[in-house]
PDB file of N, CA and C in Angstrom:
ATOM      1  N   UNK A   1      97.357 106.552  39.082  1.00  0.00           N
ATOM      2  CA  UNK A   1      97.858 106.016  37.832  1.00  0.00           C
ATOM      3  C   UNK A   1      98.260 107.195  36.950  1.00  0.00           C
ATOM      4  N   UNK A   2      99.405 107.112  36.358  1.00  0.00           N
ATOM      5  CA  UNK A   2      99.867 108.192  35.513  1.00  0.00           C
ATOM      6  C   UNK A   2      99.259 108.078  34.123  1.00  0.00           C
ATOM      7  N   UNK A   3      99.388 109.170  33.363  1.00  0.00           N
ATOM      8  CA  UNK A   3      98.832 109.177  32.012  1.00  0.00           C
ATOM      9  C   UNK A   3      99.503 108.136  31.130  1.00  0.00           C
ATOM     10  N   UNK A   4     100.796 107.963  31.307  1.00  0.00           N
ATOM     11  CA  UNK A   4     101.525 107.006  30.482  1.00  0.00           C
ATOM     12  C   UNK A   4     101.006 105.591  30.705  1.00  0.00           C
ATOM     13  N   UNK A   5     100.759 105.245  31.954  1.00  0.00           N
ATOM     14  CA  UNK A   5     100.222 103.914  32.248  1.00  0.00           C
ATOM     15  C   UNK A   5      98.825 103.746  31.667  1.00  0.00           C
ATOM     16  N   UNK A   6      98.016 104.814  31.739  1.00  0.00           N
ATOM     17  CA  UNK A   6      96.654 104.734  31.222  1.00  0.00           C
ATOM     18  C   UNK A   6      96.666 104.536  29.711  1.00  0.00           C
ATOM     19  N   UNK A   7      97.531 105.283  29.004  1.00  0.00           N
ATOM     20  CA  UNK A   7      97.627 105.109  27.547  1.00  0.00           C
ATOM     21  C   UNK A   7      98.088 103.698  27.190  1.00  0.00           C
ATOM     22  N   UNK A   8      99.044 103.185  27.939  1.00  0.00           N
ATOM     23  CA  UNK A   8      99.556 101.846  27.664  1.00  0.00           C
ATOM     24  C   UNK A   8      98.483 100.781  27.912  1.00  0.00           C
ATOM     25  N   UNK A   9      97.726 100.919  28.984  1.00  0.00           N
ATOM     26  CA  UNK A   9      96.650  99.957  29.283  1.00  0.00           C
ATOM     27  C   UNK A   9      95.559 100.029  28.217  1.00  0.00           C
ATOM     28  N   UNK A  10      95.217 101.248  27.768  1.00  0.00           N
ATOM     29  CA  UNK A  10      94.215 101.381  26.711  1.00  0.00           C
ATOM     30  C   UNK A  10      94.700 100.763  25.401  1.00  0.00           C
ATOM     31  N   UNK A  11      95.985 100.907  25.101  1.00  0.00           N
ATOM     32  CA  UNK A  11      96.525 100.265  23.902  1.00  0.00           C
ATOM     33  C   UNK A  11      96.453  98.746  23.991  1.00  0.00           C
ATOM     34  N   UNK A  12      96.790  98.216  25.149  1.00  0.00           N
ATOM     35  CA  UNK A  12      96.711  96.760  25.323  1.00  0.00           C
ATOM     36  C   UNK A  12      95.270  96.262  25.202  1.00  0.00           C
ATOM     37  N   UNK A  13      94.340  96.956  25.819  1.00  0.00           N
ATOM     38  CA  UNK A  13      92.938  96.533  25.738  1.00  0.00           C
ATOM     39  C   UNK A  13      92.388  96.644  24.320  1.00  0.00           C
ATOM     40  N   UNK A  14      92.746  97.701  23.604  1.00  0.00           N
ATOM     41  CA  UNK A  14      92.275  97.807  22.228  1.00  0.00           C
ATOM     42  C   UNK A  14      92.915  96.734  21.341  1.00  0.00           C
ATOM     43  N   UNK A  15      94.146  96.358  21.634  1.00  0.00           N
ATOM     44  CA  UNK A  15      94.763  95.251  20.904  1.00  0.00           C
ATOM     45  C   UNK A  15      94.052  93.935  21.164  1.00  0.00           C
ATOM     46  N   UNK A  16      93.651  93.710  22.403  1.00  0.00           N
ATOM     47  CA  UNK A  16      92.905  92.488  22.735  1.00  0.00           C
ATOM     48  C   UNK A  16      91.552  92.487  22.035  1.00  0.00           C
ATOM     49  N   UNK A  17      90.874  93.633  22.021  1.00  0.00           N
ATOM     50  CA  UNK A  17      89.587  93.710  21.324  1.00  0.00           C
ATOM     51  C   UNK A  17      89.745  93.445  19.829  1.00  0.00           C
ATOM     52  N   UNK A  18      90.793  93.995  19.241  1.00  0.00           N
ATOM     53  CA  UNK A  18      91.036  93.714  17.816  1.00  0.00           C
ATOM     54  C   UNK A  18      91.357  92.245  17.576  1.00  0.00           C
ATOM     55  N   UNK A  19      92.113  91.648  18.487  1.00  0.00           N
ATOM     56  CA  UNK A  19      92.478  90.233  18.349  1.00  0.00           C
ATOM     57  C   UNK A  19      91.235  89.336  18.306  1.00  0.00           C
ATOM     58  N   UNK A  20      90.255  89.651  19.144  1.00  0.00           N
ATOM     59  CA  UNK A  20      89.038  88.837  19.164  1.00  0.00           C
ATOM     60  C   UNK A  20      88.032  89.237  18.092  1.00  0.00           C
ATOM     61  N   UNK A  21      88.038  90.493  17.654  1.00  0.00           N
ATOM     62  CA  UNK A  21      86.995  90.960  16.741  1.00  0.00           C
ATOM     63  C   UNK A  21      87.320  90.727  15.271  1.00  0.00           C
ATOM     64  N   UNK A  22      88.581  90.842  14.888  1.00  0.00           N
ATOM     65  CA  UNK A  22      88.921  90.775  13.461  1.00  0.00           C
ATOM     66  C   UNK A  22      88.506  89.450  12.817  1.00  0.00           C
ATOM     67  N   UNK A  23      88.693  88.301  13.437  1.00  0.00           N
ATOM     68  CA  UNK A  23      88.227  87.069  12.771  1.00  0.00           C
ATOM     69  C   UNK A  23      86.704  86.982  12.635  1.00  0.00           C
ATOM     70  N   UNK A  24      85.970  87.690  13.466  1.00  0.00           N
ATOM     71  CA  UNK A  24      84.512  87.610  13.430  1.00  0.00           C
ATOM     72  C   UNK A  24      83.869  88.665  12.525  1.00  0.00           C
ATOM     73  N   UNK A  25      84.619  89.708  12.163  1.00  0.00           N
ATOM     74  CA  UNK A  25      84.074  90.758  11.315  1.00  0.00           C
ATOM     75  C   UNK A  25      84.216  90.358   9.848  1.00  0.00           C
ATOM     76  N   UNK A  26      83.155  90.573   9.091  1.00  0.00           N
ATOM     77  CA  UNK A  26      83.192  90.264   7.663  1.00  0.00           C
ATOM     78  C   UNK A  26      83.046  91.570   6.893  1.00  0.00           C
ATOM     79  N   UNK A  27      84.155  92.014   6.333  1.00  0.00           N
ATOM     80  CA  UNK A  27      84.164  93.291   5.621  1.00  0.00           C
ATOM     81  C   UNK A  27      83.519  93.144   4.244  1.00  0.00           C
ATOM     82  N   UNK A  28      83.637  91.979   3.633  1.00  0.00           N
ATOM     83  CA  UNK A  28      83.157  91.770   2.266  1.00  0.00           C
ATOM     84  C   UNK A  28      81.663  91.501   2.169  1.00  0.00           C
ATOM     85  N   UNK A  29      80.974  91.345   3.275  1.00  0.00           N
ATOM     86  CA  UNK A  29      79.542  91.035   3.193  1.00  0.00           C
ATOM     87  C   UNK A  29      78.755  92.280   2.788  1.00  0.00           C
ATOM     88  N   UNK A  30      77.726  92.088   1.986  1.00  0.00           N
ATOM     89  CA  UNK A  30      76.945  93.240   1.518  1.00  0.00           C
ATOM     90  C   UNK A  30      75.986  93.733   2.606  1.00  0.00           C
ATOM     91  N   UNK A  31      75.656  94.991   2.522  1.00  0.00           N
ATOM     92  CA  UNK A  31      74.641  95.544   3.406  1.00  0.00           C
ATOM     93  C   UNK A  31      75.198  96.103   4.698  1.00  0.00           C
ATOM     94  N   UNK A  32      74.332  96.085   5.687  1.00  0.00           N
ATOM     95  CA  UNK A  32      74.622  96.722   6.960  1.00  0.00           C
ATOM     96  C   UNK A  32      75.753  96.034   7.715  1.00  0.00           C
ATOM     97  N   UNK A  33      75.896  94.738   7.560  1.00  0.00           N
ATOM     98  CA  UNK A  33      76.946  94.010   8.265  1.00  0.00           C
ATOM     99  C   UNK A  33      78.338  94.448   7.804  1.00  0.00           C
ATOM    100  N   UNK A  34      78.506  94.648   6.523  1.00  0.00           N
ATOM    101  CA  UNK A  34      79.781  95.110   5.987  1.00  0.00           C
ATOM    102  C   UNK A  34      80.094  96.532   6.428  1.00  0.00           C
ATOM    103  N   UNK A  35      79.088  97.397   6.408  1.00  0.00           N
ATOM    104  CA  UNK A  35      79.287  98.778   6.863  1.00  0.00           C
ATOM    105  C   UNK A  35      79.656  98.828   8.342  1.00  0.00           C
ATOM    106  N   UNK A  36      78.997  97.984   9.138  1.00  0.00           N
ATOM    107  CA  UNK A  36      79.307  97.943  10.567  1.00  0.00           C
ATOM    108  C   UNK A  36      80.741  97.472  10.790  1.00  0.00           C
ATOM    109  N   UNK A  37      81.182  96.474  10.051  1.00  0.00           N
ATOM    110  CA  UNK A  37      82.544  95.955  10.204  1.00  0.00           C
ATOM    111  C   UNK A  37      83.584  97.018   9.869  1.00  0.00           C
ATOM    112  N   UNK A  38      83.356  97.735   8.775  1.00  0.00           N
ATOM    113  CA  UNK A  38      84.298  98.776   8.378  1.00  0.00           C
ATOM    114  C   UNK A  38      84.307  99.908   9.399  1.00  0.00           C
ATOM    115  N   UNK A  39      83.135 100.313   9.859  1.00  0.00           N
ATOM    116  CA  UNK A  39      83.056 101.397  10.849  1.00  0.00           C
ATOM    117  C   UNK A  39      83.713 100.983  12.161  1.00  0.00           C
ATOM    118  N   UNK A  40      83.505  99.740  12.580  1.00  0.00           N
ATOM    119  CA  UNK A  40      84.101  99.274  13.834  1.00  0.00           C
ATOM    120  C   UNK A  40      85.617  99.263  13.739  1.00  0.00           C
ATOM    121  N   UNK A  41      86.144  98.800  12.618  1.00  0.00           N
ATOM    122  CA  UNK A  41      87.595  98.780  12.441  1.00  0.00           C
ATOM    123  C   UNK A  41      88.177 100.192  12.373  1.00  0.00           C
ATOM    124  N   UNK A  42      87.476 101.113  11.722  1.00  0.00           N
ATOM    125  CA  UNK A  42      87.947 102.502  11.665  1.00  0.00           C
ATOM    126  C   UNK A  42      87.971 103.136  13.054  1.00  0.00           C
ATOM    127  N   UNK A  43      86.928 102.911  13.833  1.00  0.00           N
ATOM    128  CA  UNK A  43      86.908 103.451  15.196  1.00  0.00           C
ATOM    129  C   UNK A  43      87.998 102.826  16.060  1.00  0.00           C
ATOM    130  N   UNK A  44      88.245 101.538  15.886  1.00  0.00           N
ATOM    131  CA  UNK A  44      89.312 100.886  16.650  1.00  0.00           C
ATOM    132  C   UNK A  44      90.679 101.443  16.280  1.00  0.00           C
ATOM    133  N   UNK A  45      90.899 101.698  14.999  1.00  0.00           N
ATOM    134  CA  UNK A  45      92.167 102.286  14.566  1.00  0.00           C
ATOM    135  C   UNK A  45      92.316 103.718  15.073  1.00  0.00           C
ATOM    136  N   UNK A  46      91.211 104.462  15.156  1.00  0.00           N
ATOM    137  CA  UNK A  46      91.272 105.812  15.730  1.00  0.00           C
ATOM    138  C   UNK A  46      91.633 105.776  17.208  1.00  0.00           C
ATOM    139  N   UNK A  47      91.097 104.803  17.916  1.00  0.00           N
ATOM    140  CA  UNK A  47      91.429 104.657  19.338  1.00  0.00           C
ATOM    141  C   UNK A  47      92.911 104.343  19.506  1.00  0.00           C
ATOM    142  N   UNK A  48      93.415 103.439  18.697  1.00  0.00           N
ATOM    143  CA  UNK A  48      94.840 103.086  18.781  1.00  0.00           C
ATOM    144  C   UNK A  48      95.711 104.275  18.408  1.00  0.00           C
ATOM    145  N   UNK A  49      95.343 104.998  17.350  1.00  0.00           N
ATOM    146  CA  UNK A  49      96.132 106.160  16.939  1.00  0.00           C
ATOM    147  C   UNK A  49      96.116 107.247  18.010  1.00  0.00           C
ATOM    148  N   UNK A  50      94.975 107.474  18.632  1.00  0.00           N
ATOM    149  CA  UNK A  50      94.896 108.486  19.683  1.00  0.00           C
ATOM    150  C   UNK A  50      95.720 108.127  20.898  1.00  0.00           C
ATOM    151  N   UNK A  51      95.680 106.882  21.290  1.00  0.00           N
ATOM    152  CA  UNK A  51      96.468 106.458  22.447  1.00  0.00           C
ATOM    153  C   UNK A  51      97.967 106.447  22.142  1.00  0.00           C
ATOM    154  N   UNK A  52      98.332 106.066  20.934  1.00  0.00           N
ATOM    155  CA  UNK A  52      99.749 106.123  20.555  1.00  0.00           C
ATOM    156  C   UNK A  52     100.244 107.567  20.522  1.00  0.00           C
ATOM    157  N   UNK A  53      99.418 108.465  20.009  1.00  0.00           N
ATOM    158  CA  UNK A  53      99.792 109.869  19.988  1.00  0.00           C
ATOM    159  C   UNK A  53      99.955 110.406  21.399  1.00  0.00           C
ATOM    160  N   UNK A  54      99.034 110.071  22.270  1.00  0.00           N
ATOM    161  CA  UNK A  54      99.148 110.503  23.655  1.00  0.00           C
ATOM    162  C   UNK A  54     100.352 109.910  24.350  1.00  0.00           C
ATOM    163  N   UNK A  55     100.670 108.683  24.043  1.00  0.00           N
ATOM    164  CA  UNK A  55     101.816 108.017  24.669  1.00  0.00           C
ATOM    165  C   UNK A  55     103.140 108.592  24.171  1.00  0.00           C
ATOM    166  N   UNK A  56     103.222 108.873  22.882  1.00  0.00           N
ATOM    167  CA  UNK A  56     104.481 109.342  22.310  1.00  0.00           C
ATOM    168  C   UNK A  56     104.733 110.825  22.555  1.00  0.00           C
ATOM    169  N   UNK A  57     103.681 111.624  22.681  1.00  0.00           N
ATOM    170  CA  UNK A  57     103.863 113.064  22.792  1.00  0.00           C
ATOM    171  C   UNK A  57     103.543 113.626  24.167  1.00  0.00           C
ATOM    172  N   UNK A  58     103.584 112.831  25.207  1.00  0.00           N
ATOM    173  CA  UNK A  58     103.410 113.363  26.546  1.00  0.00           C
ATOM    174  C   UNK A  58     104.681 114.083  26.957  1.00  0.00           C
ATOM    175  N   UNK A  59     104.553 115.248  27.586  1.00  0.00           N
ATOM    176  CA  UNK A  59     105.766 115.974  27.993  1.00  0.00           C
ATOM    177  C   UNK A  59     106.473 115.239  29.119  1.00  0.00           C
ATOM    178  N   UNK A  60     107.784 115.196  29.011  1.00  0.00           N
ATOM    179  CA  UNK A  60     108.560 114.506  30.034  1.00  0.00           C
ATOM    180  C   UNK A  60     108.838 115.462  31.185  1.00  0.00           C
ATOM    181  N   UNK A  61     109.045 114.920  32.355  1.00  0.00           N
ATOM    182  CA  UNK A  61     109.302 115.732  33.536  1.00  0.00           C
ATOM    183  C   UNK A  61     110.805 115.968  33.649  1.00  0.00           C
ATOM    184  N   UNK A  62     111.281 117.048  33.048  1.00  0.00           N
ATOM    185  CA  UNK A  62     112.701 117.362  33.085  1.00  0.00           C
ATOM    186  C   UNK A  62     113.047 118.280  34.246  1.00  0.00           C
ATOM    187  N   UNK A  63     112.072 119.018  34.700  1.00  0.00           N
ATOM    188  CA  UNK A  63     112.319 120.011  35.721  1.00  0.00           C
ATOM    189  C   UNK A  63     112.267 119.369  37.105  1.00  0.00           C
ATOM    190  N   UNK A  64     113.306 119.586  37.890  1.00  0.00           N
ATOM    191  CA  UNK A  64     113.331 119.073  39.248  1.00  0.00           C
ATOM    192  C   UNK A  64     112.709 120.094  40.187  1.00  0.00           C
ATOM    193  N   UNK A  65     112.052 119.617  41.198  1.00  0.00           N
ATOM    194  CA  UNK A  65     111.501 120.521  42.192  1.00  0.00           C
ATOM    195  C   UNK A  65     112.610 120.953  43.137  1.00  0.00           C
ATOM    196  N   UNK A  66     112.538 122.212  43.564  1.00  0.00           N
ATOM    197  CA  UNK A  66     113.546 122.724  44.458  1.00  0.00           C
ATOM    198  C   UNK A  66     113.324 122.181  45.861  1.00  0.00           C
ATOM    199  N   UNK A  67     114.420 121.946  46.547  1.00  0.00           N
ATOM    200  CA  UNK A  67     114.335 121.341  47.871  1.00  0.00           C
ATOM    201  C   UNK A  67     114.249 122.379  48.979  1.00  0.00           C
ATOM    202  N   UNK A  68     114.568 123.637  48.693  1.00  0.00           N
ATOM    203  CA  UNK A  68     114.539 124.681  49.719  1.00  0.00           C
ATOM    204  C   UNK A  68     113.129 125.103  50.058  1.00  0.00           C
ATOM    205  N   UNK A  69     113.021 125.923  51.100  1.00  0.00           N
ATOM    206  CA  UNK A  69     111.696 126.377  51.509  1.00  0.00           C
ATOM    207  C   UNK A  69     111.234 127.562  50.671  1.00  0.00           C
ATOM    208  N   UNK A  70     112.168 128.246  50.002  1.00  0.00           N
ATOM    209  CA  UNK A  70     111.822 129.370  49.152  1.00  0.00           C
ATOM    210  C   UNK A  70     111.854 128.934  47.700  1.00  0.00           C
ATOM    211  N   UNK A  71     110.804 129.241  46.991  1.00  0.00           N
ATOM    212  CA  UNK A  71     110.747 128.905  45.582  1.00  0.00           C
ATOM    213  C   UNK A  71     111.005 130.168  44.770  1.00  0.00           C
ATOM    214  N   UNK A  72     111.834 130.048  43.780  1.00  0.00           N
ATOM    215  CA  UNK A  72     112.184 131.180  42.949  1.00  0.00           C
ATOM    216  C   UNK A  72     111.202 131.243  41.787  1.00  0.00           C
ATOM    217  N   UNK A  73     110.569 132.398  41.615  1.00  0.00           N
ATOM    218  CA  UNK A  73     109.662 132.590  40.501  1.00  0.00           C
ATOM    219  C   UNK A  73     110.347 133.443  39.455  1.00  0.00           C
ATOM    220  N   UNK A  74     110.337 132.986  38.236  1.00  0.00           N
ATOM    221  CA  UNK A  74     110.966 133.726  37.149  1.00  0.00           C
ATOM    222  C   UNK A  74     110.060 134.849  36.701  1.00  0.00           C
ATOM    223  N   UNK A  75     110.667 135.990  36.442  1.00  0.00           N
ATOM    224  CA  UNK A  75     109.914 137.111  35.923  1.00  0.00           C
ATOM    225  C   UNK A  75     109.201 137.942  36.976  1.00  0.00           C
ATOM    226  N   UNK A  76     109.269 137.563  38.222  1.00  0.00           N
ATOM    227  CA  UNK A  76     108.601 138.308  39.288  1.00  0.00           C
ATOM    228  C   UNK A  76     109.683 138.961  40.145  1.00  0.00           C
ATOM    229  N   UNK A  77     109.626 140.290  40.226  1.00  0.00           N
ATOM    230  CA  UNK A  77     110.616 141.016  41.022  1.00  0.00           C
ATOM    231  C   UNK A  77     110.180 141.032  42.473  1.00  0.00           C
ATOM    232  N   UNK A  78     111.160 140.934  43.335  1.00  0.00           N
ATOM    233  CA  UNK A  78     110.833 141.030  44.752  1.00  0.00           C
ATOM    234  C   UNK A  78     110.605 142.482  45.124  1.00  0.00           C
ATOM    235  N   UNK A  79     109.718 142.710  46.010  1.00  0.00           N
ATOM    236  CA  UNK A  79     109.364 144.075  46.401  1.00  0.00           C
ATOM    237  C   UNK A  79     110.158 144.454  47.641  1.00  0.00           C
ATOM    238  N   UNK A  80     110.709 145.616  47.576  1.00  0.00           N
ATOM    239  CA  UNK A  80     111.419 146.105  48.751  1.00  0.00           C
ATOM    240  C   UNK A  80     110.967 147.540  49.016  1.00  0.00           C
ATOM    241  N   UNK A  81     110.655 147.808  50.251  1.00  0.00           N
ATOM    242  CA  UNK A  81     110.196 149.121  50.674  1.00  0.00           C
ATOM    243  C   UNK A  81     111.292 149.788  51.458  1.00  0.00           C
ATOM    244  N   UNK A  82     111.680 150.958  51.034  1.00  0.00           N
ATOM    245  CA  UNK A  82     112.769 151.677  51.730  1.00  0.00           C
ATOM    246  C   UNK A  82     112.227 152.734  52.613  1.00  0.00           C
TER     247      UNK A  82
END
């Protein structure tokens, strides 16, 4: 599985978790329940932001692999003995 697929699957799963959790979380309730709801939503948003960042900023594969048996290395001089 490639990184792009993994980021996309994680985004979908976090969206499903938010879909089921948001109606059940009560942010306005006093005490520990309200703090837990706010913390859970903040962590969920961090997960979504991290996966979106990973999905949007993954380097693309622009470089093609050479088909020959010899690979050219840049910056390395070939050695010749006379």
